[in-house]
Amino acid sequence: MRIGELSRATGVSARSLRYYEQQGILTSERRGNGYREYGPEAPEVVFRIRALLAIGLPTDRIRDILPCDGAAGRESEVCPTLLAKIREIRDNVSEQAAELSRTSDALTRYLGENFA
């Protein structure tokens, strides 16, 4: 599929798709006429990229993660270590969220007890 077709299939602009290629997180083949040709897995890869961007990961981290997520159909030797690090980050974020929730609850109680 060409870039316009991939753009329509995913809802991602051609400019973004070219950027993903520049960052090494999406690949294409070049035809003799210079047009990009994407494989059948490209829409799924783009959806994975968008999901990872949406959770705040930078493209250099995404480049490391994509070989581990199964969508690209390959696996890297760094996957176990990388996935363990991602789980650690997730757990830390969960702990921070729980602490913020406790702080919010304490502030609400304080306001209710002192300024009701």
C-alpha atoms as a PDB file:
ATOM      1  CA  MET A   1       0.000   0.000   0.000  1.00  0.00           C
ATOM      2  CA  ARG A   2       1.187   3.505  -0.721  1.00  0.00           C
ATOM      3  CA  ILE A   3       1.461   6.337   1.780  1.00  0.00           C
ATOM      4  CA  GLY A   4      -1.932   7.867   0.921  1.00  0.00           C
ATOM      5  CA  GLU A   5      -3.634   4.514   1.377  1.00  0.00           C
ATOM      6  CA  LEU A   6      -1.905   3.954   4.711  1.00  0.00           C
ATOM      7  CA  SER A   7      -2.852   7.452   5.788  1.00  0.00           C
ATOM      8  CA  ARG A   8      -6.524   6.825   4.961  1.00  0.00           C
ATOM      9  CA  ALA A   9      -6.478   3.371   6.585  1.00  0.00           C
ATOM     10  CA  THR A  10      -5.033   4.666   9.856  1.00  0.00           C
ATOM     11  CA  GLY A  11      -6.200   8.274  10.042  1.00  0.00           C
ATOM     12  CA  VAL A  12      -2.568   9.363  10.407  1.00  0.00           C
ATOM     13  CA  SER A  13      -1.245  12.116   8.150  1.00  0.00           C
ATOM     14  CA  ALA A  14       1.289  11.308   5.449  1.00  0.00           C
ATOM     15  CA  ARG A  15       3.611  13.787   7.130  1.00  0.00           C
ATOM     16  CA  SER A  16       3.468  11.800  10.384  1.00  0.00           C
ATOM     17  CA  LEU A  17       4.072   8.551   8.514  1.00  0.00           C
ATOM     18  CA  ARG A  18       7.164  10.040   6.891  1.00  0.00           C
ATOM     19  CA  TYR A  19       8.313  11.212  10.339  1.00  0.00           C
ATOM     20  CA  TYR A  20       7.849   7.696  11.741  1.00  0.00           C
ATOM     21  CA  GLU A  21      10.055   6.388   8.936  1.00  0.00           C
ATOM     22  CA  GLN A  22      12.651   9.053   9.651  1.00  0.00           C
ATOM     23  CA  GLN A  23      12.663   7.964  13.300  1.00  0.00           C
ATOM     24  CA  GLY A  24      13.110   4.308  12.326  1.00  0.00           C
ATOM     25  CA  ILE A  25       9.799   3.093  13.739  1.00  0.00           C
ATOM     26  CA  LEU A  26       8.039   2.441  10.419  1.00  0.00           C
ATOM     27  CA  THR A  27       9.536   0.956   7.286  1.00  0.00           C
ATOM     28  CA  SER A  28       8.669   0.985   3.616  1.00  0.00           C
ATOM     29  CA  GLU A  29      10.175  -0.142   0.351  1.00  0.00           C
ATOM     30  CA  ARG A  30      10.825   2.340  -2.432  1.00  0.00           C
ATOM     31  CA  ARG A  31       9.434   1.561  -5.860  1.00  0.00           C
ATOM     32  CA  GLY A  32      11.299   2.454  -9.030  1.00  0.00           C
ATOM     33  CA  ASN A  33       9.183   5.601  -9.332  1.00  0.00           C
ATOM     34  CA  GLY A  34      10.207   6.673  -5.785  1.00  0.00           C
ATOM     35  CA  TYR A  35       6.831   5.927  -4.182  1.00  0.00           C
ATOM     36  CA  ARG A  36       6.823   4.345  -0.764  1.00  0.00           C
ATOM     37  CA  GLU A  37       5.287   0.892  -0.546  1.00  0.00           C
ATOM     38  CA  TYR A  38       4.185  -0.347   2.876  1.00  0.00           C
ATOM     39  CA  GLY A  39       3.635  -3.982   3.773  1.00  0.00           C
ATOM     40  CA  PRO A  40       0.348  -5.467   4.957  1.00  0.00           C
ATOM     41  CA  GLU A  41       1.470  -5.171   8.611  1.00  0.00           C
ATOM     42  CA  ALA A  42       1.914  -1.380   8.352  1.00  0.00           C
ATOM     43  CA  PRO A  43      -1.550  -0.336   9.632  1.00  0.00           C
ATOM     44  CA  GLU A  44      -1.119  -2.453  12.773  1.00  0.00           C
ATOM     45  CA  VAL A  45       2.374  -1.028  13.329  1.00  0.00           C
ATOM     46  CA  VAL A  46       1.019   2.515  12.955  1.00  0.00           C
ATOM     47  CA  PHE A  47      -1.772   1.800  15.459  1.00  0.00           C
ATOM     48  CA  ARG A  48       0.830   0.466  17.929  1.00  0.00           C
ATOM     49  CA  ILE A  49       2.997   3.561  17.383  1.00  0.00           C
ATOM     50  CA  ARG A  50       0.019   5.829  18.040  1.00  0.00           C
ATOM     51  CA  ALA A  51      -0.905   3.922  21.190  1.00  0.00           C
ATOM     52  CA  LEU A  52       2.644   4.177  22.515  1.00  0.00           C
ATOM     53  CA  LEU A  53       2.822   7.880  21.676  1.00  0.00           C
ATOM     54  CA  ALA A  54      -0.505   8.416  23.444  1.00  0.00           C
ATOM     55  CA  ILE A  55       0.915   7.083  26.703  1.00  0.00           C
ATOM     56  CA  GLY A  56       3.776   9.542  26.451  1.00  0.00           C
ATOM     57  CA  LEU A  57       6.642   7.451  25.145  1.00  0.00           C
ATOM     58  CA  PRO A  58       9.182   9.183  22.898  1.00  0.00           C
ATOM     59  CA  THR A  59       9.969   7.723  19.479  1.00  0.00           C
ATOM     60  CA  ASP A  60      13.421   6.505  20.526  1.00  0.00           C
ATOM     61  CA  ARG A  61      11.797   4.368  23.252  1.00  0.00           C
ATOM     62  CA  ILE A  62       9.124   3.215  20.787  1.00  0.00           C
ATOM     63  CA  ARG A  63      11.881   2.097  18.408  1.00  0.00           C
ATOM     64  CA  ASP A  64      13.140  -0.182  21.189  1.00  0.00           C
ATOM     65  CA  ILE A  65       9.690  -1.439  22.169  1.00  0.00           C
ATOM     66  CA  LEU A  66       8.165  -2.274  18.772  1.00  0.00           C
ATOM     67  CA  PRO A  67      10.279  -5.391  18.213  1.00  0.00           C
ATOM     68  CA  CYS A  68       8.983  -6.688  21.540  1.00  0.00           C
ATOM     69  CA  ASP A  69       5.252  -6.136  21.134  1.00  0.00           C
ATOM     70  CA  GLY A  70       4.600  -8.825  18.560  1.00  0.00           C
ATOM     71  CA  ALA A  71       2.838  -6.515  16.091  1.00  0.00           C
ATOM     72  CA  ALA A  72       5.934  -6.198  13.934  1.00  0.00           C
ATOM     73  CA  GLY A  73       6.363  -9.974  13.826  1.00  0.00           C
ATOM     74  CA  ARG A  74       9.876  -9.977  15.253  1.00  0.00           C
ATOM     75  CA  GLU A  75      11.510 -10.190  18.629  1.00  0.00           C
ATOM     76  CA  SER A  76      14.725  -8.703  19.907  1.00  0.00           C
ATOM     77  CA  GLU A  77      17.130 -10.121  22.476  1.00  0.00           C
ATOM     78  CA  VAL A  78      16.588  -6.969  24.581  1.00  0.00           C
ATOM     79  CA  CYS A  79      12.879  -7.660  24.997  1.00  0.00           C
ATOM     80  CA  PRO A  80      12.898  -9.327  28.433  1.00  0.00           C
ATOM     81  CA  THR A  81      15.027  -6.565  29.967  1.00  0.00           C
ATOM     82  CA  LEU A  82      13.097  -3.796  28.224  1.00  0.00           C
ATOM     83  CA  LEU A  83       9.711  -5.207  29.163  1.00  0.00           C
ATOM     84  CA  ALA A  84      10.840  -5.597  32.787  1.00  0.00           C
ATOM     85  CA  LYS A  85      11.851  -1.909  32.782  1.00  0.00           C
ATOM     86  CA  ILE A  86       8.466  -0.891  31.350  1.00  0.00           C
ATOM     87  CA  ARG A  87       6.703  -2.912  34.053  1.00  0.00           C
ATOM     88  CA  GLU A  88       8.857  -1.192  36.679  1.00  0.00           C
ATOM     89  CA  ILE A  89       7.931   2.240  35.286  1.00  0.00           C
ATOM     90  CA  ARG A  90       4.255   1.254  35.269  1.00  0.00           C
ATOM     91  CA  ASP A  91       4.449   0.091  38.872  1.00  0.00           C
ATOM     92  CA  ASN A  92       6.151   3.339  39.922  1.00  0.00           C
ATOM     93  CA  VAL A  93       3.467   5.378  38.182  1.00  0.00           C
ATOM     94  CA  SER A  94       0.777   3.337  39.957  1.00  0.00           C
ATOM     95  CA  GLU A  95       2.449   3.985  43.314  1.00  0.00           C
ATOM     96  CA  GLN A  96       2.653   7.716  42.572  1.00  0.00           C
ATOM     97  CA  ALA A  97      -1.014   7.761  41.564  1.00  0.00           C
ATOM     98  CA  ALA A  98      -1.996   6.035  44.808  1.00  0.00           C
ATOM     99  CA  GLU A  99       0.026   8.555  46.821  1.00  0.00           C
ATOM    100  CA  LEU A 100      -1.616  11.457  44.988  1.00  0.00           C
ATOM    101  CA  SER A 101      -5.022   9.953  45.680  1.00  0.00           C
ATOM    102  CA  ARG A 102      -4.231   9.672  49.398  1.00  0.00           C
ATOM    103  CA  THR A 103      -3.035  13.295  49.435  1.00  0.00           C
ATOM    104  CA  SER A 104      -6.172  14.443  47.635  1.00  0.00           C
ATOM    105  CA  ASP A 105      -8.367  12.563  50.116  1.00  0.00           C
ATOM    106  CA  ALA A 106      -6.485  14.112  53.052  1.00  0.00           C
ATOM    107  CA  LEU A 107      -6.902  17.609  51.594  1.00  0.00           C
ATOM    108  CA  THR A 108     -10.620  17.020  51.048  1.00  0.00           C
ATOM    109  CA  ARG A 109     -11.013  15.863  54.665  1.00  0.00           C
ATOM    110  CA  TYR A 110      -9.057  18.882  55.893  1.00  0.00           C
ATOM    111  CA  LEU A 111     -11.230  21.275  53.925  1.00  0.00           C
ATOM    112  CA  GLY A 112     -14.400  19.533  55.114  1.00  0.00           C
ATOM    113  CA  GLU A 113     -13.356  19.582  58.752  1.00  0.00           C
ATOM    114  CA  ASN A 114     -12.039  23.144  58.847  1.00  0.00           C
ATOM    115  CA  PHE A 115     -13.996  25.115  56.270  1.00  0.00           C
ATOM    116  CA  ALA A 116     -17.383  23.436  56.024  1.00  0.00           C
END
